[in-house]
Structure formats: C-alpha cells, structure tokens
Protein backbone atom coordinates (compact mmCIF):
# COMPACT_ATOMS: atom_id res chain seq x y z
CA MET A 1 -5.31 -24.97 54.57
CA ILE A 2 -2.52 -25.95 51.98
CA ARG A 3 -5.24 -27.88 50.19
CA PHE A 4 -7.74 -24.89 50.22
CA ALA A 5 -5.03 -22.55 48.82
CA ALA A 6 -4.25 -24.82 45.83
CA LEU A 7 -7.89 -25.23 45.37
CA ALA A 8 -7.98 -21.57 45.43
CA CYS A 9 -5.70 -21.15 42.65
CA LEU A 10 -6.92 -23.60 40.64
CA PHE A 11 -10.09 -21.74 40.89
CA LEU A 12 -9.06 -18.28 39.67
CA THR A 13 -6.75 -19.70 36.82
CA ALA A 14 -9.78 -21.67 35.39
CA CYS A 15 -11.84 -18.22 35.70
CA GLN A 16 -9.27 -16.29 33.89
CA THR A 17 -9.75 -16.74 30.33
CA THR A 18 -8.46 -15.10 27.13
CA THR A 19 -9.01 -15.71 23.57
CA ASP A 20 -5.25 -15.36 22.68
CA PRO A 21 -3.79 -19.00 22.57
CA ALA A 22 -0.43 -17.58 23.50
CA ASP A 23 -2.01 -16.17 26.78
CA GLY A 24 -4.10 -18.06 29.52
CA GLY A 25 -3.08 -21.78 29.51
CA PHE A 26 -5.01 -24.98 29.70
CA PHE A 27 -8.02 -23.97 30.92
CA ALA A 28 -8.34 -21.04 28.46
CA GLY A 29 -7.18 -23.54 25.73
CA VAL A 30 -10.45 -25.59 26.36
CA SER A 31 -12.61 -22.53 26.80
CA GLY A 32 -11.49 -21.03 23.57
CA ILE A 33 -12.03 -24.53 21.64
CA THR A 34 -15.21 -25.22 23.38
CA THR A 35 -16.83 -21.46 23.03
CA GLY A 36 -15.65 -21.21 19.18
CA ALA A 37 -13.24 -17.96 20.18
CA TYR A 38 -10.42 -19.56 18.56
CA ASP A 39 -12.36 -20.27 15.44
CA ASP A 40 -13.66 -16.45 15.40
CA ARG A 41 -9.77 -15.24 15.80
CA ILE A 42 -9.00 -17.32 12.84
CA THR A 43 -11.99 -15.90 10.73
CA ALA A 44 -11.11 -12.33 11.93
CA ALA A 45 -7.49 -12.53 10.82
CA GLU A 46 -8.59 -14.24 7.51
CA GLY A 47 -10.93 -11.43 6.89
CA ASP A 48 -7.92 -8.83 7.62
CA VAL A 49 -5.46 -10.91 5.44
CA ALA A 50 -8.34 -10.79 2.36
CA THR A 51 -8.87 -6.89 3.15
CA ALA A 52 -5.15 -6.02 2.78
CA GLN A 53 -4.52 -8.16 -0.08
CA ALA A 54 -7.42 -6.15 -1.70
CA ARG A 55 -5.72 -3.20 -0.82
CA ASN A 56 -2.73 -4.19 -1.99
CA ASP A 57 -4.21 -5.67 -5.66
CA ALA A 58 -5.89 -2.11 -5.88
CA LEU A 59 -2.86 -0.10 -5.33
CA ALA A 60 -0.84 -2.13 -7.68
CA ALA A 61 -3.44 -1.52 -10.62
CA GLN A 62 -3.22 2.47 -9.67
CA ILE A 63 0.49 2.00 -10.20
CA ARG A 64 0.16 0.03 -13.47
CA SER A 65 -2.34 2.84 -14.61
CA SER A 66 -0.15 5.71 -13.55
CA GLU A 67 2.62 3.80 -15.53
CA SER A 68 0.91 3.52 -18.21
CA GLU A 69 -0.38 6.88 -18.72
CA LEU A 70 3.27 8.11 -17.74
CA ALA A 71 4.72 6.54 -20.48
CA LYS A 72 2.23 8.06 -23.01
CA LEU A 73 2.81 11.36 -21.73
CA LYS A 74 6.44 10.94 -22.22
CA LEU A 75 5.81 9.80 -26.16
CA LYS A 76 3.66 12.68 -26.67
CA ILE A 77 6.39 14.86 -25.16
CA LEU A 78 8.73 13.67 -27.39
CA GLN A 79 6.38 14.21 -30.35
CA GLN A 80 6.11 17.73 -29.05
CA ARG A 81 9.63 18.35 -28.69
CA ASP A 82 10.06 17.26 -32.25
CA ALA A 83 7.73 19.50 -33.64
CA THR A 84 8.90 22.52 -31.66
CA GLY A 85 12.39 21.80 -32.57
CA GLY A 86 12.96 21.53 -28.56
CA GLY A 87 12.54 25.44 -27.83
CA ASP A 88 15.07 27.02 -25.83
CA ALA A 89 17.39 25.76 -23.15
CA ALA A 90 15.49 25.84 -20.14
CA THR A 91 12.82 24.02 -21.77
CA ALA A 92 14.93 21.57 -23.57
CA ALA A 93 16.70 20.87 -19.64
CA ARG A 94 12.83 20.73 -18.59
CA ILE A 95 12.00 18.10 -21.18
CA ASP A 96 14.99 16.24 -20.70
CA ARG A 97 14.50 15.91 -16.83
CA VAL A 98 10.66 15.11 -17.32
CA LEU A 99 11.71 12.35 -19.92
CA ASN A 100 14.60 10.93 -17.99
CA ASP A 101 12.59 10.86 -14.48
CA THR A 102 12.22 7.40 -13.32
CA PRO A 103 9.71 7.53 -10.26
CA GLY A 104 10.63 5.16 -7.58
CA GLY A 105 9.69 4.29 -3.77
CA ALA A 106 10.51 2.34 -0.72
CA THR A 107 6.80 1.22 -0.60
CA PRO A 108 4.02 1.12 -3.40
CA GLU A 109 2.32 3.99 -1.54
CA ALA A 110 5.57 6.25 -2.30
CA ARG A 111 5.84 4.71 -5.68
CA LEU A 112 2.38 5.70 -6.73
CA THR A 113 2.94 9.29 -4.88
CA ALA A 114 5.97 9.60 -7.08
CA LEU A 115 4.07 8.27 -10.17
CA GLN A 116 1.53 10.99 -9.54
CA LYS A 117 4.08 13.98 -9.25
CA SER A 118 5.69 13.04 -12.36
CA ILE A 119 2.66 12.68 -14.34
CA SER A 120 1.50 16.09 -13.32
CA ASP A 121 5.11 17.73 -14.30
CA ALA A 122 4.46 15.61 -17.60
CA ARG A 123 1.38 17.11 -18.10
CA ALA A 124 2.25 20.86 -17.40
CA LEU A 125 5.30 20.25 -19.61
CA SER A 126 3.20 19.15 -22.33
CA ALA A 127 0.69 21.73 -22.08
CA ASP A 128 3.41 24.07 -22.48
CA LEU A 129 5.10 22.77 -25.47
CA ALA A 130 1.53 23.01 -26.76
CA LYS A 131 1.21 26.64 -26.26
CA LEU A 132 4.79 26.97 -27.98
CA SER A 133 3.71 24.86 -30.97
CA GLY A 134 0.62 27.66 -31.72
C-alpha cells in the first residue's frame, strides 16, 4: 500500500508541469527543457526588454527635443524682452518666472510632462510679448 501511495504521488508530481523554472521541480524542469518552453520564456522576456528599451529611447528623444525647443523659446523671450523693455511689473515677473523655470520630474514621463507645460507657458508668453511689440 505504501508503494502504491508513493508511486501515485510520483505520478501526480510528474503530471503537474509549469514553464516557470522557479516552480515545478525536476520533472517540470525536464519537461521545460525538452519542450522548448524555457526557450520560449527567454525569447518572450527578451522581446519585452527590447520593447521597453525602444520606449525609453523614444522618450529620451522626446525629452531632448523638448529641452531644445524650450531653450529656443527662452532665447526668443529674452530677445522680445529686450525689444519691448520688459513691459510692466507683472509682465516682467512673468518673464522672469518663465526664464528661470527648470522643469524636473521624478520619472522621465514626469519630466516630459513638465517640459511640455513649460513650453506651453513660454509660447503663451512669447505670443503676448509679440502683441506688446506691435
């Protein structure tokens, strides 16, 4: 009877397989190797890494582009400020705020969002300064 129970446990253990090497055991490991399930998991994980890397590269490119655009807008605002004399106190304070803004963020996504807001503010200020200059 004990042999039968041991054999039954061994049979049930062999039937339960998983493709996760952390789970399973010896028979699941042998099954994963022979069926190619482990190779499939590795291929899928490599694909996920490549996708994440491409997303990060695209995000970094957007950040660099936004930083460049903001720098150009700040230069334009400096030129407009000099051409208009800076305007009234409220306009001068607004110019200083936009020029001294250093957008940050805890994550690249947050940094990009902050840069986009700063660009929007700088564009609005530049348009208002253009109206002041006539």
